[in-house]
C-alpha cells in the first residue's frame, strides 16, 4: 500500500471515517467508510490530487451535481461531495452508496480460473441492468466514457449496478487531458476514444459490446497486452467471430456483437435500449430485426420473399497512461496519412476510367473493376465472417449471404454521399448455385440500414425497384406484382449490367442497356451507394460483381433502330 493511500486510513474527512481501500484507478481511489452522522457504511471516492487545476473546482461541483441527480436502481447513488485542503492543495471527494458485492471484473476472473464462461441467463440479466442504466443516463445527456467490468458492481440482491458516472468527463480539461492523455481503459475503448474523436452515447454502447463479448467468450476481442496494439485493433481490426473462440453456434449473437462493435458510431445500435432488445431476441432464439453493424455493411431482416428477397487465461497489463497518449497520437497520425492518401486524386494516366473526380459538394465519381491496383477497390469492405461474406479476388467482388430470407447491403465508402443527379452502374452475376429467386442490385440514397432505395434483378429474369423507409419496404411502381419479367434480363449464371439514373425525383432503371422502369420517388434526396444482395428461404446466395461506377453522365442505351 502506497504512502498516499495509507495516509487516509483511519482519518475522518468531513463526517466520514475512512476504513479501508476497496478500489483504485488512474483517476481516484475508493475507500470503504462510515458516515458518523447517519451511522451507515458508504463509499468515498477521493480523486487524485494531480487532476486539479484552476477550473477544476467549478467543473467538479457541476459534474457531481449532475451525477447526484441520477436516480436509477442500476446506478450507484451519489450522497455527497466536497473538498478539503491538504498541504496547500485541494483534494476532492464524492460519497456514494456502498455496494458490498463483487465487481463484474471479479466475477469474470473467477470464471476464467474455473475455465468456464458465464451462463447466458446471467449475461442477459447483467446486460438488461446496465443497458437500463445507460439508457436512463443517455436520455439525460450523461455519457459514461469508461464502461468496463470493474465499474459494474453487484448488490446484495445480485443486481448489476454501474458506478463512476461523470468521472471520465470530469477529468477532461484537467492537467491530464491538457497533456494529451486519452481518458478511458484501452481494452474497452471505442475507436473514436482511441483516436481522440468526438464521444457520445454510442461510445458507451461499444464499450458495453466489448463486455458482452468478454462475458460470452471468456476474453475480450482485443486483449490488452500492453503498448498501443489494442488501440490500433479497436480502430482497424475485425471482430473475431464468437464461434471461433467458444462453441457458441448462434448466428444472431454474432450479428448483435458485430453491430455493437461497429467501427463507426453511426453503424452501431443508436441506443442502449435497441442494443438490449436485439440481445434479448438473440439469446431467446427470436428473429433479429436490427442490422449487422460493420462499418460499410448492413444486414437487414426482410419480412417475406415478396419483398426484396430476401475460456482462456487472461493477462491484464495496464499500459502507462503516457503511453496511451503516444498511442492516440500515433493512431491519429496514421489515420490522417491514410485519409490524405485516400482523398488525393490518382496520378493522371492515359486511362482515365479510374481517375478520381471529386465535386465541389463532396461527391466522389469513380469506376472500379475490383482489381487490387484500382485505387477505389479499397473503398469496399472485405470480411470473411458469415452470414455476410465479402471477398475481393482476381477482379471479382464476391458477396455471399447465408442467412435465409434476409437482405444485406455493402456500401462504397459511406463517407461519400450523393445529393445530385448521378448514374450508377453495376455489372454482376448471380451464381448458378444460388436460389433463382435471389435478388441483387444497386443501393442508392442510403441513409441508414432502415432507409434507402434499391433497384434489383433476380435469377428468374425479373426486376423490381423499392424504397425501404423506417424498416418497411414499398415497391415504387404500385403494380400488382412486385417482380416483373423482362426479356433484357439474363437469368442466374449470366452477367447483367444494371444502371440507375437519378434525375431529381425521377428514377430511370436500365438492364443491359434497355430502359425497363421509370418511376418518381421523393422519399430521399441523396445518400450513400452500394450493392444489395437478398436471399430466399433457402439462403446461401452468391453474387460476383465485376464493375461498379458512379458518374454524372446519362446512361448509354440501345438505339431505337432496326437494321434487319
Protein backbone atom coordinates (compact mmCIF):
# COMPACT_ATOMS: atom_id res chain seq x y z
CA UNK A 1 0.00 0.00 0.00
CA UNK A 2 1.41 3.39 -1.02
CA UNK A 3 2.09 6.18 1.41
CA UNK A 4 -0.59 8.29 -0.30
CA UNK A 5 -3.14 5.52 0.21
CA UNK A 6 -2.17 4.86 3.81
CA UNK A 7 -2.49 8.45 4.91
CA UNK A 8 -6.29 8.36 4.57
CA UNK A 9 -6.86 5.15 6.52
CA UNK A 10 -8.45 5.79 9.95
CA UNK A 11 -8.77 9.50 9.22
CA UNK A 12 -12.00 11.45 9.05
CA UNK A 13 -12.95 13.55 6.03
CA UNK A 14 -15.92 15.70 6.86
CA UNK A 15 -18.20 13.33 8.71
CA UNK A 16 -16.83 10.21 7.00
CA UNK A 17 -14.31 7.94 8.71
CA UNK A 18 -12.08 6.20 6.16
CA UNK A 19 -11.68 2.48 6.91
CA UNK A 20 -10.01 0.64 4.01
CA UNK A 21 -9.18 0.81 0.31
CA UNK A 22 -11.64 -1.09 -1.89
CA UNK A 23 -10.59 0.13 -5.32
CA UNK A 24 -8.05 2.19 -7.19
CA UNK A 25 -7.64 3.58 -10.70
CA UNK A 26 -5.95 6.25 -12.73
CA UNK A 27 -8.38 8.94 -11.59
CA UNK A 28 -9.24 8.12 -7.98
CA UNK A 29 -9.13 5.70 -5.08
CA UNK A 30 -12.25 4.32 -3.46
CA UNK A 31 -12.48 3.65 0.27
CA UNK A 32 -15.00 1.92 2.44
CA UNK A 33 -16.00 4.49 5.05
CA UNK A 34 -18.50 5.13 7.82
CA UNK A 35 -20.98 8.01 7.88
CA UNK A 36 -20.73 9.12 11.51
CA UNK A 37 -23.95 11.15 11.33
CA UNK A 38 -26.28 8.65 9.66
CA UNK A 39 -24.36 5.66 11.01
CA UNK A 40 -24.20 3.70 7.80
CA UNK A 41 -21.47 2.39 5.51
CA UNK A 42 -20.59 4.49 2.48
CA UNK A 43 -18.00 4.51 -0.26
CA UNK A 44 -15.76 7.57 -0.54
CA UNK A 45 -14.02 8.25 -3.83
CA UNK A 46 -11.00 10.54 -3.40
CA UNK A 47 -9.74 12.00 -6.66
CA UNK A 48 -6.01 12.13 -7.27
CA UNK A 49 -4.51 15.49 -6.43
CA UNK A 50 -2.78 15.90 -9.79
CA UNK A 51 -6.13 16.14 -11.59
CA UNK A 52 -6.96 19.57 -10.25
CA UNK A 53 -6.26 22.89 -11.89
CA UNK A 54 -7.67 26.41 -11.70
CA UNK A 55 -11.01 25.42 -13.24
CA UNK A 56 -11.38 22.04 -11.57
CA UNK A 57 -13.49 23.16 -8.60
CA UNK A 58 -16.22 24.58 -10.79
CA UNK A 59 -16.27 21.52 -13.04
CA UNK A 60 -16.18 19.15 -10.08
CA UNK A 61 -19.20 20.76 -8.46
CA UNK A 62 -21.11 20.85 -11.74
CA UNK A 63 -20.42 17.21 -12.60
CA UNK A 64 -21.05 16.00 -9.05
CA UNK A 65 -24.47 17.66 -9.04
CA UNK A 66 -25.32 16.14 -12.42
CA UNK A 67 -24.33 12.65 -11.29
CA UNK A 68 -26.11 13.06 -7.95
CA UNK A 69 -29.29 13.89 -9.87
CA UNK A 70 -29.24 10.42 -11.46
CA UNK A 71 -31.74 8.29 -9.58
CA UNK A 72 -31.86 4.79 -11.02
CA UNK A 73 -31.68 1.35 -9.36
CA UNK A 74 -28.76 0.32 -11.60
CA UNK A 75 -26.65 3.45 -11.00
CA UNK A 76 -24.71 3.94 -7.77
CA UNK A 77 -26.31 6.82 -5.89
CA UNK A 78 -24.18 9.86 -5.01
CA UNK A 79 -24.88 11.12 -1.48
CA UNK A 80 -22.45 13.98 -1.02
CA UNK A 81 -19.36 15.74 -2.40
CA UNK A 82 -16.86 18.27 -1.09
CA UNK A 83 -13.15 19.12 -0.94
CA UNK A 84 -10.50 19.55 1.75
CA UNK A 85 -7.18 21.36 1.82
CA UNK A 86 -4.05 19.21 2.24
CA UNK A 87 -0.59 20.79 2.11
CA UNK A 88 -1.94 23.76 0.18
CA UNK A 89 -3.74 21.59 -2.39
CA UNK A 90 -7.45 20.95 -2.79
CA UNK A 91 -8.45 17.29 -2.59
CA UNK A 92 -11.91 16.50 -3.96
CA UNK A 93 -14.09 13.58 -2.96
CA UNK A 94 -17.50 12.07 -3.59
CA UNK A 95 -19.57 10.00 -1.19
CA UNK A 96 -21.80 7.29 -2.59
CA UNK A 97 -23.75 4.20 -1.68
CA UNK A 98 -21.58 1.31 -0.54
CA UNK A 99 -22.11 -1.81 -2.66
CA UNK A 100 -20.75 -4.82 -0.81
CA UNK A 101 -20.77 -7.32 -3.65
CA UNK A 102 -18.04 -8.13 -6.18
CA UNK A 103 -17.38 -6.32 -9.43
CA UNK A 104 -18.01 -7.91 -12.80
CA UNK A 105 -14.22 -7.99 -13.19
CA UNK A 106 -14.07 -10.22 -10.09
CA UNK A 107 -16.81 -12.47 -11.46
CA UNK A 108 -15.09 -12.82 -14.84
CA UNK A 109 -11.73 -13.54 -13.21
CA UNK A 110 -13.26 -16.31 -11.10
CA UNK A 111 -14.95 -17.82 -14.16
CA UNK A 112 -11.62 -17.78 -16.01
CA UNK A 113 -9.91 -19.57 -13.12
CA UNK A 114 -12.61 -22.23 -13.25
CA UNK A 115 -12.23 -22.44 -17.06
CA UNK A 116 -15.84 -21.56 -17.77
CA UNK A 117 -17.89 -18.71 -19.14
CA UNK A 118 -20.95 -17.08 -17.59
CA UNK A 119 -24.37 -18.66 -18.20
CA UNK A 120 -26.41 -16.88 -20.86
CA UNK A 121 -29.21 -16.24 -18.36
CA UNK A 122 -26.80 -14.40 -16.08
CA UNK A 123 -25.31 -12.47 -19.01
CA UNK A 124 -28.75 -11.34 -20.15
CA UNK A 125 -29.63 -10.21 -16.62
CA UNK A 126 -26.44 -8.16 -16.35
CA UNK A 127 -26.92 -6.63 -19.78
CA UNK A 128 -30.54 -5.70 -19.08
CA UNK A 129 -29.46 -3.94 -15.88
CA UNK A 130 -26.61 -2.00 -17.47
CA UNK A 131 -28.43 -1.05 -20.68
CA UNK A 132 -31.27 0.23 -18.49
CA UNK A 133 -28.79 2.37 -16.56
CA UNK A 134 -27.14 3.69 -19.72
CA UNK A 135 -30.45 4.41 -21.41
CA UNK A 136 -31.58 6.41 -18.38
CA UNK A 137 -28.34 8.40 -18.26
CA UNK A 138 -28.09 8.95 -22.01
CA UNK A 139 -31.62 10.35 -22.11
CA UNK A 140 -30.40 12.94 -19.59
CA UNK A 141 -27.31 13.87 -21.56
CA UNK A 142 -24.83 11.88 -19.46
CA UNK A 143 -22.22 9.74 -21.21
CA UNK A 144 -20.18 7.41 -19.00
CA UNK A 145 -16.96 7.25 -21.11
CA UNK A 146 -15.39 4.39 -19.13
CA UNK A 147 -17.80 1.44 -19.08
CA UNK A 148 -15.78 -1.59 -18.00
CA UNK A 149 -16.20 -4.67 -15.76
CA UNK A 150 -14.54 -3.04 -12.74
CA UNK A 151 -17.16 -0.27 -12.88
CA UNK A 152 -20.03 -2.76 -12.68
CA UNK A 153 -20.85 -3.87 -9.13
CA UNK A 154 -23.32 -6.42 -7.77
CA UNK A 155 -25.51 -5.55 -4.81
CA UNK A 156 -26.77 -8.00 -2.19
CA UNK A 157 -29.68 -8.96 -4.45
CA UNK A 158 -27.36 -9.79 -7.35
CA UNK A 159 -28.42 -6.73 -9.31
CA UNK A 160 -25.77 -5.13 -11.56
CA UNK A 161 -25.08 -1.50 -10.70
CA UNK A 162 -22.97 0.92 -12.73
CA UNK A 163 -20.59 3.27 -10.96
CA UNK A 164 -18.16 6.08 -11.86
CA UNK A 165 -20.58 8.15 -13.93
CA UNK A 166 -19.13 11.54 -14.71
CA UNK A 167 -15.60 10.78 -13.54
CA UNK A 168 -14.13 10.48 -17.03
CA UNK A 169 -15.81 13.69 -18.18
CA UNK A 170 -14.67 15.40 -15.00
CA UNK A 171 -11.06 14.61 -15.88
CA UNK A 172 -11.45 16.16 -19.34
CA UNK A 173 -9.91 19.60 -19.20
CA UNK A 174 -7.71 18.66 -16.24
CA UNK A 175 -3.94 18.57 -16.26
CA UNK A 176 -4.08 15.06 -17.71
CA UNK A 177 -6.02 15.89 -20.83
CA UNK A 178 -4.13 19.13 -21.32
CA UNK A 179 -1.05 16.95 -21.64
CA UNK A 180 -2.77 14.91 -24.37
CA UNK A 181 -3.76 11.89 -22.29
CA UNK A 182 -6.57 9.73 -23.65
CA UNK A 183 -9.14 9.03 -20.93
CA UNK A 184 -10.54 5.52 -20.73
CA UNK A 185 -9.47 1.90 -20.41
CA UNK A 186 -7.74 0.56 -23.55
CA UNK A 187 -9.43 -2.84 -23.61
CA UNK A 188 -12.89 -1.23 -23.62
CA UNK A 189 -12.23 1.97 -25.58
CA UNK A 190 -14.26 2.80 -28.67
CA UNK A 191 -12.35 3.63 -31.87
CA UNK A 192 -13.27 7.30 -31.51
CA UNK A 193 -11.87 7.35 -27.98
CA UNK A 194 -8.67 5.67 -29.15
CA UNK A 195 -8.13 8.39 -31.75
CA UNK A 196 -9.29 11.34 -29.66
CA UNK A 197 -12.52 11.79 -31.62
CA UNK A 198 -15.93 13.02 -30.55
CA UNK A 199 -17.54 10.95 -27.78
CA UNK A 200 -21.26 10.33 -27.39
CA UNK A 201 -23.64 7.68 -26.07
CA UNK A 202 -22.65 5.27 -28.83
CA UNK A 203 -19.14 5.10 -27.37
CA UNK A 204 -20.69 3.59 -24.24
CA UNK A 205 -22.53 1.08 -26.42
CA UNK A 206 -19.24 0.00 -27.99
CA UNK A 207 -17.64 -0.45 -24.56
CA UNK A 208 -20.62 -2.49 -23.37
CA UNK A 209 -20.35 -4.56 -26.54
CA UNK A 210 -16.77 -5.44 -25.58
CA UNK A 211 -18.01 -6.51 -22.14
CA UNK A 212 -20.74 -8.64 -23.72
CA UNK A 213 -18.14 -10.33 -25.93
CA UNK A 214 -15.96 -10.99 -22.88
CA UNK A 215 -18.84 -12.47 -20.89
CA UNK A 216 -19.80 -14.77 -23.76
CA UNK A 217 -16.31 -15.91 -24.75
CA UNK A 218 -14.23 -15.52 -21.60
CA UNK A 219 -11.96 -12.90 -23.15
CA UNK A 220 -12.31 -9.50 -24.81
CA UNK A 221 -11.94 -9.44 -28.61
CA UNK A 222 -8.73 -7.42 -28.30
CA UNK A 223 -6.90 -8.32 -25.05
CA UNK A 224 -4.62 -5.60 -23.68
CA UNK A 225 -1.08 -6.96 -23.78
CA UNK A 226 0.49 -3.57 -23.14
CA UNK A 227 1.54 -0.89 -25.58
CA UNK A 228 -0.74 0.59 -28.20
CA UNK A 229 -1.64 -2.56 -30.11
CA UNK A 230 -5.07 -2.82 -28.53
CA UNK A 231 -5.89 0.75 -29.57
CA UNK A 232 -4.87 0.02 -33.14
CA UNK A 233 -7.05 -3.09 -33.14
CA UNK A 234 -10.09 -1.12 -31.94
CA UNK A 235 -9.60 1.22 -34.89
CA UNK A 236 -8.75 -1.27 -37.64
CA UNK A 237 -9.06 -4.96 -36.74
CA UNK A 238 -12.19 -7.04 -37.48
CA UNK A 239 -14.02 -8.58 -34.54
CA UNK A 240 -13.16 -12.29 -34.11
CA UNK A 241 -16.23 -14.45 -34.53
CA UNK A 242 -17.50 -15.91 -31.25
CA UNK A 243 -17.75 -19.42 -32.66
CA UNK A 244 -14.03 -19.33 -33.43
CA UNK A 245 -13.28 -18.96 -29.70
CA UNK A 246 -16.01 -20.87 -27.89
CA UNK A 247 -18.58 -23.46 -29.02
CA UNK A 248 -21.39 -20.94 -29.48
CA UNK A 249 -23.34 -21.55 -32.68
CA UNK A 250 -25.82 -18.71 -32.53
CA UNK A 251 -25.62 -16.62 -35.68
CA UNK A 252 -27.88 -13.99 -34.15
CA UNK A 253 -25.39 -13.39 -31.34
CA UNK A 254 -22.65 -12.72 -33.88
CA UNK A 255 -24.97 -10.27 -35.61
CA UNK A 256 -25.62 -8.40 -32.36
CA UNK A 257 -21.91 -8.33 -31.48
CA UNK A 258 -20.88 -7.08 -34.92
CA UNK A 259 -23.34 -4.20 -34.78
CA UNK A 260 -22.50 -3.15 -31.22
CA UNK A 261 -18.79 -3.16 -32.11
CA UNK A 262 -19.01 -1.36 -35.44
CA UNK A 263 -16.03 0.91 -36.07
CA UNK A 264 -18.18 3.97 -36.73
CA UNK A 265 -20.80 5.22 -34.24
CA UNK A 266 -23.49 5.62 -36.90
CA UNK A 267 -23.26 1.90 -37.73
CA UNK A 268 -23.81 0.77 -34.12
CA UNK A 269 -27.01 0.49 -32.16
CA UNK A 270 -28.18 4.04 -31.72
CA UNK A 271 -29.48 3.49 -28.20
CA UNK A 272 -28.84 1.18 -25.29
CA UNK A 273 -32.47 0.10 -25.44
CA UNK A 274 -32.11 -1.02 -29.06
CA UNK A 275 -28.99 -2.97 -28.08
CA UNK A 276 -30.84 -4.66 -25.22
CA UNK A 277 -33.81 -5.64 -27.36
CA UNK A 278 -31.59 -7.18 -30.04
CA UNK A 279 -29.58 -9.15 -27.49
CA UNK A 280 -32.70 -10.42 -25.76
CA UNK A 281 -34.10 -11.63 -29.08
CA UNK A 282 -30.81 -13.34 -29.97
CA UNK A 283 -30.50 -15.18 -26.67
CA UNK A 284 -34.16 -16.19 -26.77
CA UNK A 285 -33.87 -17.56 -30.29
CA UNK A 286 -36.13 -14.90 -31.79
CA UNK A 287 -35.57 -13.17 -35.18
CA UNK A 288 -33.12 -10.27 -35.18
CA UNK A 289 -34.53 -7.20 -36.88
CA UNK A 290 -31.52 -4.93 -36.34
CA UNK A 291 -28.75 -4.77 -38.90
CA UNK A 292 -25.29 -6.16 -38.78
CA UNK A 293 -23.21 -3.14 -37.94
CA UNK A 294 -19.89 -3.41 -39.71
CA UNK A 295 -18.56 -0.11 -40.95
CA UNK A 296 -19.77 -0.43 -44.54
CA UNK A 297 -22.01 -3.46 -44.19
CA UNK A 298 -25.64 -3.62 -43.17
CA UNK A 299 -27.64 -6.80 -42.58
CA UNK A 300 -31.41 -6.47 -42.52
CA UNK A 301 -34.17 -8.98 -41.89
CA UNK A 302 -36.87 -8.97 -44.58
CA UNK A 303 -40.42 -9.96 -43.75
CA UNK A 304 -41.18 -12.15 -46.75
CA UNK A 305 -39.97 -13.32 -50.14
CA UNK A 306 -42.44 -10.97 -51.83
CA UNK A 307 -40.28 -8.07 -50.72
CA UNK A 308 -36.64 -7.77 -51.82
CA UNK A 309 -35.51 -11.35 -51.49
CA UNK A 310 -34.65 -11.90 -49.44
CA UNK A 311 -12.12 -19.52 -21.70
CA UNK A 312 -8.53 -18.79 -21.80
CA UNK A 313 -6.05 -17.40 -19.31
CA UNK A 314 -6.42 -13.67 -19.21
CA UNK A 315 -3.40 -11.43 -18.95
CA UNK A 316 -4.03 -7.85 -17.95
CA UNK A 317 -1.13 -5.44 -18.23
CA UNK A 318 -2.14 -1.85 -17.79
CA UNK A 319 -0.36 0.46 -20.21
CA UNK A 320 1.10 3.57 -18.61
CA UNK A 321 -1.19 6.49 -19.22
CA UNK A 322 1.55 8.40 -21.02
CA UNK A 323 1.87 5.53 -23.45
CA UNK A 324 -1.82 5.85 -24.24
CA UNK A 325 -1.26 9.46 -25.19
CA UNK A 326 1.55 8.48 -27.54
CA UNK A 327 -0.61 5.69 -28.93
CA UNK A 328 -3.51 8.02 -29.58
CA UNK A 329 -1.21 10.43 -31.39
CA UNK A 330 0.28 7.64 -33.48
CA UNK A 331 -3.14 6.29 -34.40
CA UNK A 332 -4.44 9.75 -35.25
CA UNK A 333 -1.35 10.33 -37.37
CA UNK A 334 -1.75 7.05 -39.22
CA UNK A 335 -5.41 7.74 -39.89
CA UNK A 336 -4.59 11.25 -41.08
CA UNK A 337 -1.99 9.95 -43.52
CA UNK A 338 -4.39 7.27 -44.72
CA UNK A 339 -7.11 9.85 -45.22
CA UNK A 340 -4.78 12.05 -47.22
CA UNK A 341 -3.77 9.11 -49.37
CA UNK A 342 -7.37 8.09 -49.98
CA UNK A 343 -8.60 11.56 -50.81
CA UNK A 344 -5.72 12.53 -53.07
CA UNK A 345 -6.53 12.22 -56.78
CA UNK A 346 -4.83 9.36 -58.56
CA UNK A 347 -1.90 10.25 -60.80
CA UNK A 348 -3.31 11.02 -64.28
CA UNK A 349 -2.62 8.37 -66.92
CA UNK A 350 -3.80 7.68 -70.44
CA UNK A 351 -6.52 5.51 -68.94
CA UNK A 352 -8.98 7.94 -67.39
CA UNK A 353 -11.58 5.35 -66.42
CA UNK A 354 -10.17 5.11 -62.89
CA UNK A 355 -9.42 8.78 -62.31
CA UNK A 356 -10.74 10.47 -59.20
CA UNK A 357 -13.22 13.28 -59.75
CA UNK A 358 -14.41 14.98 -56.58
CA UNK A 359 -17.12 17.58 -56.99
CA UNK A 360 -17.47 20.79 -55.01
CA UNK A 361 -20.23 19.15 -52.97
CA UNK A 362 -18.12 16.22 -51.88
CA UNK A 363 -19.45 13.65 -54.34
CA UNK A 364 -16.92 11.08 -55.49
CA UNK A 365 -17.24 9.87 -59.06
CA UNK A 366 -15.37 6.66 -59.70
CA UNK A 367 -15.12 3.46 -61.67
CA UNK A 368 -13.63 0.25 -60.35
CA UNK A 369 -13.07 -3.22 -61.79
CA UNK A 370 -12.20 -4.59 -58.31
CA UNK A 371 -8.58 -5.23 -59.23
CA UNK A 372 -6.06 -4.68 -56.46
CA UNK A 373 -4.29 -1.94 -58.39
CA UNK A 374 -7.51 0.01 -58.83
CA UNK A 375 -7.43 2.97 -56.40
CA UNK A 376 -11.09 2.51 -55.43
CA UNK A 377 -11.11 -1.20 -54.65
CA UNK A 378 -10.02 -0.48 -51.08
CA UNK A 379 -13.18 1.59 -50.53
CA UNK A 380 -15.21 -1.64 -50.49
CA UNK A 381 -15.48 -3.70 -47.32
CA UNK A 382 -13.96 -7.17 -47.04
CA UNK A 383 -14.89 -9.69 -44.35
CA UNK A 384 -14.91 -13.49 -44.30
CA UNK A 385 -17.36 -13.68 -41.40
CA UNK A 386 -20.73 -15.29 -42.03
CA UNK A 387 -23.59 -14.63 -42.53
CA UNK A 388 -22.47 -11.91 -44.97
CA UNK A 389 -19.12 -12.60 -46.61
CA UNK A 390 -17.39 -10.05 -48.84
CA UNK A 391 -14.23 -11.10 -50.69
CA UNK A 392 -12.23 -9.40 -53.44
CA UNK A 393 -10.16 -11.79 -55.54
CA UNK A 394 -8.81 -11.58 -59.10
CA UNK A 395 -11.01 -8.66 -60.08
CA UNK A 396 -14.22 -10.10 -58.63
CA UNK A 397 -16.11 -8.84 -55.58
CA UNK A 398 -17.81 -11.96 -54.19
CA UNK A 399 -20.78 -11.34 -51.91
CA UNK A 400 -22.24 -14.33 -50.08
CA UNK A 401 -25.34 -14.15 -47.87
CA UNK A 402 -26.02 -17.38 -45.95
CA UNK A 403 -28.89 -16.13 -43.80
CA UNK A 404 -32.35 -17.16 -45.11
CA UNK A 405 -34.91 -14.51 -46.09
CA UNK A 406 -32.67 -11.55 -45.42
CA UNK A 407 -31.46 -8.54 -47.35
CA UNK A 408 -27.89 -7.30 -46.98
CA UNK A 409 -26.14 -4.21 -48.26
CA UNK A 410 -22.48 -3.39 -48.62
CA UNK A 411 -21.59 0.24 -49.19
CA UNK A 412 -18.93 2.02 -51.12
CA UNK A 413 -17.16 4.25 -48.57
CA UNK A 414 -20.11 5.67 -46.61
CA UNK A 415 -18.24 8.95 -46.09
CA UNK A 416 -19.20 9.83 -49.66
CA UNK A 417 -22.83 10.69 -50.28
CA UNK A 418 -24.55 11.85 -53.44
CA UNK A 419 -27.07 14.64 -53.45
CA UNK A 420 -27.50 15.49 -57.12
CA UNK A 421 -28.13 13.84 -60.48
CA UNK A 422 -25.96 10.75 -60.92
CA UNK A 423 -25.79 7.48 -62.83
CA UNK A 424 -24.78 4.27 -61.04
CA UNK A 425 -23.78 1.12 -62.93
CA UNK A 426 -23.22 -2.40 -61.63
CA UNK A 427 -22.09 -5.44 -63.61
CA UNK A 428 -22.67 -8.68 -61.73
CA UNK A 429 -23.72 -12.33 -61.95
CA UNK A 430 -25.92 -14.39 -59.65
CA UNK A 431 -24.13 -17.71 -59.17
CA UNK A 432 -25.73 -20.86 -60.56
CA UNK A 433 -25.74 -22.39 -57.07
CA UNK A 434 -27.99 -19.63 -55.74
CA UNK A 435 -31.75 -19.86 -55.49
CA UNK A 436 -33.17 -18.46 -58.77
CA UNK A 437 -35.44 -16.07 -56.86
CA UNK A 438 -32.47 -14.47 -55.07
CA UNK A 439 -32.13 -10.76 -55.76
CA UNK A 440 -29.19 -8.40 -56.26
CA UNK A 441 -28.76 -4.85 -57.42
CA UNK A 442 -27.86 -1.25 -56.72
CA UNK A 443 -28.33 0.51 -53.39
CA UNK A 444 -28.74 4.28 -53.61
CA UNK A 445 -29.99 7.19 -51.49
CA UNK A 446 -28.72 5.23 -48.49
CA UNK A 447 -29.40 6.97 -45.14
CA UNK A 448 -29.04 4.03 -42.76
CA UNK A 449 -29.93 0.34 -42.64
CA UNK A 450 -33.63 1.13 -42.46
CA UNK A 451 -33.84 3.89 -45.07
CA UNK A 452 -32.65 3.60 -48.68
CA UNK A 453 -33.59 2.70 -52.28
CA UNK A 454 -32.87 -0.47 -54.26
CA UNK A 455 -33.00 -1.27 -57.98
CA UNK A 456 -32.63 -5.03 -58.37
CA UNK A 457 -32.98 -8.08 -60.59
CA UNK A 458 -33.25 -11.76 -59.70
CA UNK A 459 -32.17 -15.06 -61.21
CA UNK A 460 -35.57 -15.56 -62.87
CA UNK A 461 -35.08 -12.61 -65.21
CA UNK A 462 -37.23 -10.19 -63.22
CA UNK A 463 -36.67 -6.64 -62.00
CA UNK A 464 -38.02 -4.52 -59.18
CA UNK A 465 -37.44 -1.06 -57.66
CA UNK A 466 -38.02 -0.33 -53.99
CA UNK A 467 -37.80 2.18 -51.20
CA UNK A 468 -37.11 0.99 -47.64
CA UNK A 469 -38.37 3.56 -45.14
CA UNK A 470 -38.43 3.07 -41.38
CA UNK A 471 -37.86 -0.70 -41.84
CA UNK A 472 -40.80 -1.04 -44.25
CA UNK A 473 -40.41 -2.00 -47.93
CA UNK A 474 -42.54 -0.41 -50.67
CA UNK A 475 -42.36 -1.25 -54.37
CA UNK A 476 -42.36 2.06 -56.23
CA UNK A 477 -44.40 1.10 -59.29
CA UNK A 478 -47.60 0.41 -57.32
CA UNK A 479 -48.08 -2.58 -59.61
CA UNK A 480 -50.00 -5.76 -58.85
CA UNK A 481 -46.74 -7.70 -58.94
CA UNK A 482 -43.56 -6.72 -57.13
CA UNK A 483 -41.20 -8.53 -59.52
CA UNK A 484 -41.70 -8.28 -63.29
CA UNK A 485 -40.12 -10.37 -66.04
CA UNK A 486 -38.30 -8.62 -68.88
CA UNK A 487 -36.51 -10.17 -71.89
CA UNK A 488 -33.49 -7.91 -71.42
CA UNK A 489 -32.62 -9.54 -68.09
CA UNK A 490 -30.33 -12.57 -68.09
CA UNK A 491 -31.03 -15.45 -65.66
CA UNK A 492 -28.73 -16.72 -62.93
CA UNK A 493 -25.31 -17.78 -64.13
CA UNK A 494 -25.19 -14.95 -66.68
CA UNK A 495 -23.90 -11.41 -66.27
CA UNK A 496 -26.25 -8.42 -66.08
CA UNK A 497 -25.44 -4.74 -66.28
CA UNK A 498 -27.75 -2.69 -64.06
CA UNK A 499 -27.92 1.09 -64.33
CA UNK A 500 -29.95 3.54 -62.28
CA UNK A 501 -30.07 7.15 -63.43
CA UNK A 502 -31.24 9.59 -60.75
CA UNK A 503 -32.65 12.80 -62.21
CA UNK A 504 -34.06 14.76 -59.30
CA UNK A 505 -37.05 12.73 -58.13
CA UNK A 506 -37.14 10.70 -61.35
CA UNK A 507 -35.56 7.25 -61.29
CA UNK A 508 -34.74 5.53 -64.59
CA UNK A 509 -33.71 1.87 -64.41
CA UNK A 510 -31.83 0.06 -67.18
CA UNK A 511 -30.75 -3.56 -67.58
CA UNK A 512 -28.18 -4.40 -70.24
CA UNK A 513 -28.77 -1.03 -71.87
CA UNK A 514 -32.55 -1.36 -72.04
CA UNK A 515 -34.80 1.01 -70.11
CA UNK A 516 -37.08 -1.25 -68.03
CA UNK A 517 -38.59 1.10 -65.46
CA UNK A 518 -39.23 4.81 -64.84
CA UNK A 519 -40.70 5.96 -61.55
CA UNK A 520 -40.83 9.02 -59.36
CA UNK A 521 -39.80 8.95 -55.69
CA UNK A 522 -39.02 11.86 -53.38
CA UNK A 523 -38.58 9.87 -50.16
CA UNK A 524 -34.83 10.51 -50.01
CA UNK A 525 -32.74 13.12 -51.78
CA UNK A 526 -29.24 11.73 -51.82
CA UNK A 527 -27.18 9.37 -49.72
CA UNK A 528 -24.55 6.66 -49.94
CA UNK A 529 -24.38 3.98 -52.65
CA UNK A 530 -23.60 0.27 -52.68
CA UNK A 531 -24.63 -3.25 -53.63
CA UNK A 532 -27.68 -5.19 -52.50
CA UNK A 533 -27.99 -8.95 -52.02
CA UNK A 534 -31.04 -10.84 -50.75
CA UNK A 535 -31.87 -14.46 -50.06
CA UNK A 536 -34.96 -16.61 -50.21
CA UNK A 537 -35.86 -19.18 -47.57
CA UNK A 538 -33.04 -21.35 -48.92
CA UNK A 539 -30.30 -18.82 -48.09
CA UNK A 540 -26.79 -19.29 -49.49
CA UNK A 541 -26.94 -16.68 -52.23
CA UNK A 542 -23.77 -15.56 -54.02
CA UNK A 543 -23.18 -12.68 -56.41
CA UNK A 544 -19.97 -11.88 -58.27
CA UNK A 545 -19.57 -8.18 -59.03
CA UNK A 546 -17.16 -7.20 -61.81
CA UNK A 547 -17.63 -3.48 -62.20
CA UNK A 548 -19.19 -0.59 -60.28
CA UNK A 549 -19.22 3.06 -61.29
CA UNK A 550 -20.78 6.37 -60.30
CA UNK A 551 -20.78 9.31 -62.70
CA UNK A 552 -22.77 12.37 -63.63
CA UNK A 553 -23.17 11.18 -67.23
CA UNK A 554 -26.53 9.91 -68.54
CA UNK A 555 -26.59 6.18 -69.30
CA UNK A 556 -25.79 4.79 -72.72
CA UNK A 557 -28.82 2.93 -74.08
CA UNK A 558 -29.61 0.88 -77.14
CA UNK A 559 -30.57 2.89 -80.20
CA UNK A 560 -34.16 2.51 -81.45
CA UNK A 561 -33.09 1.38 -84.93
CA UNK A 562 -33.75 -1.77 -86.92
CA UNK A 563 -31.10 -2.89 -89.40
CA UNK A 564 -32.78 -6.19 -90.12
